[in-house]
Structures are given as structure tokens and as C-alpha cells.
């Protein structure tokens, strides 16, 4: 990944955007610390979507582990017979 100081990024923004569109990831730094990353929009959206899906599956797994579906279904069936 290419790193570019903020002042330089301001002067070369068009070029950096073109490079990001072409698939390059560019880190923008302020006082030597990374503060932003330029990536193609689709790549950023895909990454964010992947993260949301991964988190959702994690929550579903946690819920599944808390449930005793077999016992719960038997209990519901018994209640229906009463």
C-alpha cells in the first residue's frame, strides 16, 4: 500500500483517485500517522458488506448456541396437546 502525506494528497488528489479506481490502496497520513485510506468505492462497499454479514452470522451462532431447539419444540408440542 502506498502512503502519501495529507499535504501531498491534496495536491495530487485526481491522480490518487485514479490510482484507487485502478485497484490500488493508498494510505493518507498526517504527521506520519495513517488517518485515511483511498480505495475504489466497490472494494470499500464489498468489505463493509462482508464485515456486516460476518457479524450477523456471529450473532446467529451465539443465539443458536443458547437455544435448545429439540427441548423447546417438545415443550411447544406438549403445550399444544394440553
PDB file of N, CA and C in Angstrom:
ATOM      1  N   UNK A   1       0.853  -1.173   0.000  1.00  0.00           N
ATOM      2  CA  UNK A   1       0.000   0.000   0.000  1.00  0.00           C
ATOM      3  C   UNK A   1       0.897   1.232   0.000  1.00  0.00           C
ATOM      4  N   UNK A   2       0.544   2.178  -0.824  1.00  0.00           N
ATOM      5  CA  UNK A   2       1.277   3.434  -0.933  1.00  0.00           C
ATOM      6  C   UNK A   2       0.823   4.380   0.167  1.00  0.00           C
ATOM      7  N   UNK A   3       1.754   5.072   0.807  1.00  0.00           N
ATOM      8  CA  UNK A   3       1.425   6.091   1.811  1.00  0.00           C
ATOM      9  C   UNK A   3       1.761   7.466   1.262  1.00  0.00           C
ATOM     10  N   UNK A   4       0.848   8.417   1.479  1.00  0.00           N
ATOM     11  CA  UNK A   4       1.031   9.776   0.974  1.00  0.00           C
ATOM     12  C   UNK A   4       0.670  10.753   2.089  1.00  0.00           C
ATOM     13  N   UNK A   5       1.545  11.722   2.387  1.00  0.00           N
ATOM     14  CA  UNK A   5       1.206  12.741   3.384  1.00  0.00           C
ATOM     15  C   UNK A   5      -0.004  13.564   2.925  1.00  0.00           C
ATOM     16  N   UNK A   6      -0.790  14.037   3.867  1.00  0.00           N
ATOM     17  CA  UNK A   6      -2.014  14.775   3.568  1.00  0.00           C
ATOM     18  C   UNK A   6      -1.781  15.961   2.641  1.00  0.00           C
ATOM     19  N   UNK A   7      -0.764  16.762   2.911  1.00  0.00           N
ATOM     20  CA  UNK A   7      -0.492  17.936   2.069  1.00  0.00           C
ATOM     21  C   UNK A   7      -0.237  17.519   0.623  1.00  0.00           C
ATOM     22  N   UNK A   8       0.503  16.437   0.439  1.00  0.00           N
ATOM     23  CA  UNK A   8       0.780  15.937  -0.911  1.00  0.00           C
ATOM     24  C   UNK A   8      -0.495  15.376  -1.545  1.00  0.00           C
ATOM     25  N   UNK A   9      -1.311  14.694  -0.748  1.00  0.00           N
ATOM     26  CA  UNK A   9      -2.564  14.128  -1.262  1.00  0.00           C
ATOM     27  C   UNK A   9      -3.491  15.227  -1.769  1.00  0.00           C
ATOM     28  N   UNK A  10      -3.511  16.371  -1.078  1.00  0.00           N
ATOM     29  CA  UNK A  10      -4.341  17.496  -1.530  1.00  0.00           C
ATOM     30  C   UNK A  10      -3.922  17.948  -2.929  1.00  0.00           C
ATOM     31  N   UNK A  11      -2.622  18.006  -3.155  1.00  0.00           N
ATOM     32  CA  UNK A  11      -2.094  18.471  -4.443  1.00  0.00           C
ATOM     33  C   UNK A  11      -2.236  17.437  -5.561  1.00  0.00           C
ATOM     34  N   UNK A  12      -2.327  16.159  -5.201  1.00  0.00           N
ATOM     35  CA  UNK A  12      -2.353  15.085  -6.204  1.00  0.00           C
ATOM     36  C   UNK A  12      -3.651  14.282  -6.149  1.00  0.00           C
ATOM     37  N   UNK A  13      -4.717  14.873  -5.635  1.00  0.00           N
ATOM     38  CA  UNK A  13      -5.944  14.117  -5.393  1.00  0.00           C
ATOM     39  C   UNK A  13      -6.472  13.415  -6.645  1.00  0.00           C
ATOM     40  N   UNK A  14      -6.524  14.103  -7.768  1.00  0.00           N
ATOM     41  CA  UNK A  14      -7.029  13.475  -9.005  1.00  0.00           C
ATOM     42  C   UNK A  14      -6.232  12.231  -9.365  1.00  0.00           C
ATOM     43  N   UNK A  15      -4.930  12.350  -9.310  1.00  0.00           N
ATOM     44  CA  UNK A  15      -4.066  11.208  -9.629  1.00  0.00           C
ATOM     45  C   UNK A  15      -4.302  10.061  -8.648  1.00  0.00           C
ATOM     46  N   UNK A  16      -4.387  10.389  -7.364  1.00  0.00           N
ATOM     47  CA  UNK A  16      -4.570   9.351  -6.349  1.00  0.00           C
ATOM     48  C   UNK A  16      -5.928   8.662  -6.501  1.00  0.00           C
ATOM     49  N   UNK A  17      -6.956   9.431  -6.837  1.00  0.00           N
ATOM     50  CA  UNK A  17      -8.281   8.847  -7.072  1.00  0.00           C
ATOM     51  C   UNK A  17      -8.226   7.885  -8.262  1.00  0.00           C
ATOM     52  N   UNK A  18      -7.546   8.274  -9.316  1.00  0.00           N
ATOM     53  CA  UNK A  18      -7.407   7.400 -10.492  1.00  0.00           C
ATOM     54  C   UNK A  18      -6.697   6.104 -10.122  1.00  0.00           C
ATOM     55  N   UNK A  19      -5.667   6.217  -9.317  1.00  0.00           N
ATOM     56  CA  UNK A  19      -4.932   5.023  -8.897  1.00  0.00           C
ATOM     57  C   UNK A  19      -5.810   4.121  -8.029  1.00  0.00           C
ATOM     58  N   UNK A  20      -6.610   4.733  -7.156  1.00  0.00           N
ATOM     59  CA  UNK A  20      -7.530   3.948  -6.321  1.00  0.00           C
ATOM     60  C   UNK A  20      -8.569   3.247  -7.196  1.00  0.00           C
ATOM     61  N   UNK A  21      -9.092   3.956  -8.194  1.00  0.00           N
ATOM     62  CA  UNK A  21     -10.056   3.347  -9.124  1.00  0.00           C
ATOM     63  C   UNK A  21      -9.462   2.142  -9.833  1.00  0.00           C
ATOM     64  N   UNK A  22      -8.163   2.191 -10.069  1.00  0.00           N
ATOM     65  CA  UNK A  22      -7.470   1.100 -10.755  1.00  0.00           C
ATOM     66  C   UNK A  22      -7.177  -0.074  -9.815  1.00  0.00           C
ATOM     67  N   UNK A  23      -7.540   0.068  -8.534  1.00  0.00           N
ATOM     68  CA  UNK A  23      -7.370  -1.037  -7.597  1.00  0.00           C
ATOM     69  C   UNK A  23      -6.307  -0.846  -6.534  1.00  0.00           C
ATOM     70  N   UNK A  24      -5.556   0.226  -6.611  1.00  0.00           N
ATOM     71  CA  UNK A  24      -4.504   0.471  -5.623  1.00  0.00           C
ATOM     72  C   UNK A  24      -5.111   1.026  -4.331  1.00  0.00           C
ATOM     73  N   UNK A  25      -4.573   0.614  -3.197  1.00  0.00           N
ATOM     74  CA  UNK A  25      -4.971   1.175  -1.909  1.00  0.00           C
ATOM     75  C   UNK A  25      -3.933   2.215  -1.510  1.00  0.00           C
ATOM     76  N   UNK A  26      -4.398   3.395  -1.129  1.00  0.00           N
ATOM     77  CA  UNK A  26      -3.495   4.493  -0.797  1.00  0.00           C
ATOM     78  C   UNK A  26      -3.814   4.986   0.601  1.00  0.00           C
ATOM     79  N   UNK A  27      -2.813   4.979   1.455  1.00  0.00           N
ATOM     80  CA  UNK A  27      -2.956   5.462   2.823  1.00  0.00           C
ATOM     81  C   UNK A  27      -2.581   6.941   2.867  1.00  0.00           C
ATOM     82  N   UNK A  28      -3.441   7.746   3.477  1.00  0.00           N
ATOM     83  CA  UNK A  28      -3.158   9.175   3.644  1.00  0.00           C
ATOM     84  C   UNK A  28      -2.718   9.368   5.093  1.00  0.00           C
ATOM     85  N   UNK A  29      -1.574  10.039   5.260  1.00  0.00           N
ATOM     86  CA  UNK A  29      -1.015  10.207   6.601  1.00  0.00           C
ATOM     87  C   UNK A  29      -1.005  11.676   7.027  1.00  0.00           C
ATOM     88  N   UNK A  30      -1.071  11.865   8.331  1.00  0.00           N
ATOM     89  CA  UNK A  30      -0.908  13.196   8.924  1.00  0.00           C
ATOM     90  C   UNK A  30       0.127  13.035  10.032  1.00  0.00           C
ATOM     91  N   UNK A  31       1.203  13.790   9.912  1.00  0.00           N
ATOM     92  CA  UNK A  31       2.316  13.699  10.865  1.00  0.00           C
ATOM     93  C   UNK A  31       2.805  12.257  11.028  1.00  0.00           C
ATOM     94  N   UNK A  32       2.838  11.534   9.905  1.00  0.00           N
ATOM     95  CA  UNK A  32       3.365  10.175   9.900  1.00  0.00           C
ATOM     96  C   UNK A  32       2.383   9.095  10.323  1.00  0.00           C
ATOM     97  N   UNK A  33       1.174   9.475  10.743  1.00  0.00           N
ATOM     98  CA  UNK A  33       0.181   8.503  11.197  1.00  0.00           C
ATOM     99  C   UNK A  33      -0.922   8.364  10.140  1.00  0.00           C
ATOM    100  N   UNK A  34      -1.252   7.121   9.791  1.00  0.00           N
ATOM    101  CA  UNK A  34      -2.312   6.880   8.804  1.00  0.00           C
ATOM    102  C   UNK A  34      -3.646   7.376   9.358  1.00  0.00           C
ATOM    103  N   UNK A  35      -4.339   8.208   8.574  1.00  0.00           N
ATOM    104  CA  UNK A  35      -5.622   8.763   9.021  1.00  0.00           C
ATOM    105  C   UNK A  35      -6.764   8.440   8.059  1.00  0.00           C
ATOM    106  N   UNK A  36      -6.448   8.006   6.845  1.00  0.00           N
ATOM    107  CA  UNK A  36      -7.485   7.668   5.868  1.00  0.00           C
ATOM    108  C   UNK A  36      -6.903   6.717   4.836  1.00  0.00           C
ATOM    109  N   UNK A  37      -7.815   6.030   4.138  1.00  0.00           N
ATOM    110  CA  UNK A  37      -7.373   5.124   3.085  1.00  0.00           C
ATOM    111  C   UNK A  37      -8.253   5.356   1.865  1.00  0.00           C
ATOM    112  N   UNK A  38      -7.625   5.532   0.719  1.00  0.00           N
ATOM    113  CA  UNK A  38      -8.343   5.661  -0.545  1.00  0.00           C
ATOM    114  C   UNK A  38      -8.398   4.289  -1.202  1.00  0.00           C
ATOM    115  N   UNK A  39      -9.610   3.836  -1.484  1.00  0.00           N
ATOM    116  CA  UNK A  39      -9.817   2.574  -2.196  1.00  0.00           C
ATOM    117  C   UNK A  39     -10.959   2.787  -3.179  1.00  0.00           C
ATOM    118  N   UNK A  40     -11.045   1.933  -4.168  1.00  0.00           N
ATOM    119  CA  UNK A  40     -12.164   2.013  -5.104  1.00  0.00           C
ATOM    120  C   UNK A  40     -13.460   1.820  -4.333  1.00  0.00           C
ATOM    121  N   UNK A  41     -14.493   2.541  -4.699  1.00  0.00           N
ATOM    122  CA  UNK A  41     -15.762   2.505  -3.974  1.00  0.00           C
ATOM    123  C   UNK A  41     -16.308   1.094  -3.854  1.00  0.00           C
ATOM    124  N   UNK A  42     -16.319   0.332  -4.929  1.00  0.00           N
ATOM    125  CA  UNK A  42     -16.851  -1.027  -4.876  1.00  0.00           C
ATOM    126  C   UNK A  42     -16.099  -1.887  -3.880  1.00  0.00           C
ATOM    127  N   UNK A  43     -14.784  -1.750  -3.826  1.00  0.00           N
ATOM    128  CA  UNK A  43     -13.988  -2.534  -2.890  1.00  0.00           C
ATOM    129  C   UNK A  43     -14.341  -2.168  -1.456  1.00  0.00           C
ATOM    130  N   UNK A  44     -14.520  -0.892  -1.190  1.00  0.00           N
ATOM    131  CA  UNK A  44     -14.871  -0.456   0.162  1.00  0.00           C
ATOM    132  C   UNK A  44     -16.244  -0.979   0.546  1.00  0.00           C
ATOM    133  N   UNK A  45     -17.200  -0.895  -0.364  1.00  0.00           N
ATOM    134  CA  UNK A  45     -18.564  -1.360  -0.087  1.00  0.00           C
ATOM    135  C   UNK A  45     -18.589  -2.866   0.141  1.00  0.00           C
ATOM    136  N   UNK A  46     -17.848  -3.609  -0.672  1.00  0.00           N
ATOM    137  CA  UNK A  46     -17.794  -5.059  -0.516  1.00  0.00           C
ATOM    138  C   UNK A  46     -17.201  -5.426   0.834  1.00  0.00           C
ATOM    139  N   UNK A  47     -16.144  -4.744   1.236  1.00  0.00           N
ATOM    140  CA  UNK A  47     -15.529  -5.018   2.533  1.00  0.00           C
ATOM    141  C   UNK A  47     -16.475  -4.721   3.678  1.00  0.00           C
ATOM    142  N   UNK A  48     -17.182  -3.608   3.605  1.00  0.00           N
ATOM    143  CA  UNK A  48     -18.130  -3.243   4.661  1.00  0.00           C
ATOM    144  C   UNK A  48     -19.271  -4.252   4.714  1.00  0.00           C
ATOM    145  N   UNK A  49     -19.764  -4.652   3.551  1.00  0.00           N
ATOM    146  CA  UNK A  49     -20.854  -5.635   3.499  1.00  0.00           C
ATOM    147  C   UNK A  49     -20.386  -6.964   4.084  1.00  0.00           C
ATOM    148  N   UNK A  50     -19.183  -7.384   3.729  1.00  0.00           N
ATOM    149  CA  UNK A  50     -18.636  -8.644   4.240  1.00  0.00           C
ATOM    150  C   UNK A  50     -18.531  -8.592   5.762  1.00  0.00           C
ATOM    151  N   UNK A  51     -18.094  -7.464   6.282  1.00  0.00           N
ATOM    152  CA  UNK A  51     -17.968  -7.318   7.734  1.00  0.00           C
ATOM    153  C   UNK A  51     -19.339  -7.412   8.411  1.00  0.00           C
ATOM    154  N   UNK A  52     -20.358  -6.751   7.839  1.00  0.00           N
ATOM    155  CA  UNK A  52     -21.709  -6.813   8.417  1.00  0.00           C
ATOM    156  C   UNK A  52     -22.259  -8.238   8.392  1.00  0.00           C
ATOM    157  N   UNK A  53     -22.035  -8.947   7.291  1.00  0.00           N
ATOM    158  CA  UNK A  53     -22.520 -10.325   7.179  1.00  0.00           C
ATOM    159  C   UNK A  53     -21.809 -11.220   8.187  1.00  0.00           C
ATOM    160  N   UNK A  54     -20.507 -11.060   8.325  1.00  0.00           N
ATOM    161  CA  UNK A  54     -19.741 -11.854   9.286  1.00  0.00           C
ATOM    162  C   UNK A  54     -20.245 -11.614  10.700  1.00  0.00           C
ATOM    163  N   UNK A  55     -20.490 -10.354  11.050  1.00  0.00           N
ATOM    164  CA  UNK A  55     -21.017 -10.032  12.380  1.00  0.00           C
ATOM    165  C   UNK A  55     -22.399 -10.641  12.586  1.00  0.00           C
ATOM    166  N   UNK A  56     -23.245 -10.585  11.567  1.00  0.00           N
ATOM    167  CA  UNK A  56     -24.595 -11.147  11.678  1.00  0.00           C
ATOM    168  C   UNK A  56     -24.535 -12.661  11.890  1.00  0.00           C
ATOM    169  N   UNK A  57     -23.673 -13.351  11.148  1.00  0.00           N
ATOM    170  CA  UNK A  57     -23.536 -14.790  11.342  1.00  0.00           C
ATOM    171  C   UNK A  57     -23.014 -15.105  12.739  1.00  0.00           C
ATOM    172  N   UNK A  58     -22.119 -14.286  13.243  1.00  0.00           N
ATOM    173  CA  UNK A  58     -21.622 -14.480  14.603  1.00  0.00           C
ATOM    174  C   UNK A  58     -22.740 -14.364  15.630  1.00  0.00           C
ATOM    175  N   UNK A  59     -23.613 -13.370  15.446  1.00  0.00           N
ATOM    176  CA  UNK A  59     -24.748 -13.210  16.367  1.00  0.00           C
ATOM    177  C   UNK A  59     -25.705 -14.397  16.260  1.00  0.00           C
ATOM    178  N   UNK A  60     -25.946 -14.870  15.032  1.00  0.00           N
ATOM    179  CA  UNK A  60     -26.820 -16.032  14.852  1.00  0.00           C
ATOM    180  C   UNK A  60     -26.236 -17.279  15.511  1.00  0.00           C
ATOM    181  N   UNK A  61     -24.935 -17.484  15.368  1.00  0.00           N
ATOM    182  CA  UNK A  61     -24.288 -18.630  16.017  1.00  0.00           C
ATOM    183  C   UNK A  61     -24.453 -18.555  17.529  1.00  0.00           C
ATOM    184  N   UNK A  62     -24.254 -17.361  18.086  1.00  0.00           N
ATOM    185  CA  UNK A  62     -24.391 -17.189  19.534  1.00  0.00           C
ATOM    186  C   UNK A  62     -25.821 -17.492  19.976  1.00  0.00           C
ATOM    187  N   UNK A  63     -26.807 -17.038  19.221  1.00  0.00           N
ATOM    188  CA  UNK A  63     -28.206 -17.332  19.555  1.00  0.00           C
ATOM    189  C   UNK A  63     -28.493 -18.828  19.466  1.00  0.00           C
ATOM    190  N   UNK A  64     -27.996 -19.462  18.411  1.00  0.00           N
ATOM    191  CA  UNK A  64     -28.225 -20.899  18.231  1.00  0.00           C
ATOM    192  C   UNK A  64     -27.652 -21.693  19.399  1.00  0.00           C
ATOM    193  N   UNK A  65     -26.485 -21.286  19.879  1.00  0.00           N
ATOM    194  CA  UNK A  65     -25.861 -21.989  20.994  1.00  0.00           C
ATOM    195  C   UNK A  65     -26.668 -21.835  22.277  1.00  0.00           C
ATOM    196  N   UNK A  66     -27.407 -20.745  22.404  1.00  0.00           N
ATOM    197  CA  UNK A  66     -28.209 -20.511  23.604  1.00  0.00           C
ATOM    198  C   UNK A  66     -29.520 -21.294  23.582  1.00  0.00           C
ATOM    199  N   UNK A  67     -29.966 -21.711  22.413  1.00  0.00           N
ATOM    200  CA  UNK A  67     -31.257 -22.378  22.283  1.00  0.00           C
ATOM    201  C   UNK A  67     -31.122 -23.889  22.353  1.00  0.00           C
ATOM    202  N   UNK A  68     -32.117 -24.507  22.978  1.00  0.00           N
ATOM    203  CA  UNK A  68     -32.253 -25.958  22.964  1.00  0.00           C
ATOM    204  C   UNK A  68     -33.474 -26.237  22.108  1.00  0.00           C
ATOM    205  N   UNK A  69     -33.284 -26.239  20.796  1.00  0.00           N
ATOM    206  CA  UNK A  69     -34.419 -26.347  19.884  1.00  0.00           C
ATOM    207  C   UNK A  69     -35.201 -27.635  20.072  1.00  0.00           C
ATOM    208  N   UNK A  70     -34.519 -28.741  20.282  1.00  0.00           N
ATOM    209  CA  UNK A  70     -35.221 -30.009  20.441  1.00  0.00           C
ATOM    210  C   UNK A  70     -36.108 -29.967  21.674  1.00  0.00           C
ATOM    211  N   UNK A  71     -35.569 -29.525  22.795  1.00  0.00           N
ATOM    212  CA  UNK A  71     -36.357 -29.422  24.028  1.00  0.00           C
ATOM    213  C   UNK A  71     -37.473 -28.409  23.889  1.00  0.00           C
ATOM    214  N   UNK A  72     -37.202 -27.284  23.270  1.00  0.00           N
ATOM    215  CA  UNK A  72     -38.212 -26.248  23.087  1.00  0.00           C
ATOM    216  C   UNK A  72     -39.353 -26.746  22.205  1.00  0.00           C
ATOM    217  N   UNK A  73     -39.047 -27.467  21.139  1.00  0.00           N
ATOM    218  CA  UNK A  73     -40.087 -27.983  20.247  1.00  0.00           C
ATOM    219  C   UNK A  73     -40.958 -29.017  20.950  1.00  0.00           C
ATOM    220  N   UNK A  74     -40.339 -29.890  21.754  1.00  0.00           N
ATOM    221  CA  UNK A  74     -41.116 -30.876  22.506  1.00  0.00           C
ATOM    222  C   UNK A  74     -42.044 -30.180  23.491  1.00  0.00           C
ATOM    223  N   UNK A  75     -41.533 -29.137  24.139  1.00  0.00           N
ATOM    224  CA  UNK A  75     -42.338 -28.377  25.093  1.00  0.00           C
ATOM    225  C   UNK A  75     -43.523 -27.718  24.398  1.00  0.00           C
ATOM    226  N   UNK A  76     -43.293 -27.135  23.246  1.00  0.00           N
ATOM    227  CA  UNK A  76     -44.367 -26.486  22.484  1.00  0.00           C
ATOM    228  C   UNK A  76     -45.403 -27.525  22.058  1.00  0.00           C
ATOM    229  N   UNK A  77     -44.944 -28.694  21.622  1.00  0.00           N
ATOM    230  CA  UNK A  77     -45.864 -29.754  21.197  1.00  0.00           C
ATOM    231  C   UNK A  77     -46.716 -30.217  22.369  1.00  0.00           C
ATOM    232  N   UNK A  78     -46.108 -30.380  23.547  1.00  0.00           N
ATOM    233  CA  UNK A  78     -46.869 -30.794  24.734  1.00  0.00           C
ATOM    234  C   UNK A  78     -47.916 -29.762  25.097  1.00  0.00           C
ATOM    235  N   UNK A  79     -47.534 -28.471  25.037  1.00  0.00           N
ATOM    236  CA  UNK A  79     -48.482 -27.406  25.358  1.00  0.00           C
ATOM    237  C   UNK A  79     -49.650 -27.418  24.384  1.00  0.00           C
ATOM    238  N   UNK A  80     -49.384 -27.741  23.141  1.00  0.00           N
ATOM    239  CA  UNK A  80     -50.446 -27.799  22.136  1.00  0.00           C
ATOM    240  C   UNK A  80     -51.409 -28.943  22.392  1.00  0.00           C
ATOM    241  N   UNK A  81     -50.915 -30.019  23.019  1.00  0.00           N
ATOM    242  CA  UNK A  81     -51.771 -31.169  23.310  1.00  0.00           C
ATOM    243  C   UNK A  81     -52.620 -30.944  24.550  1.00  0.00           C
ATOM    244  N   UNK A  82     -52.190 -30.051  25.407  1.00  0.00           N
ATOM    245  CA  UNK A  82     -52.934 -29.804  26.665  1.00  0.00           C
ATOM    246  C   UNK A  82     -54.188 -29.027  26.467  1.00  0.00           C
TER     247      UNK A  82
END
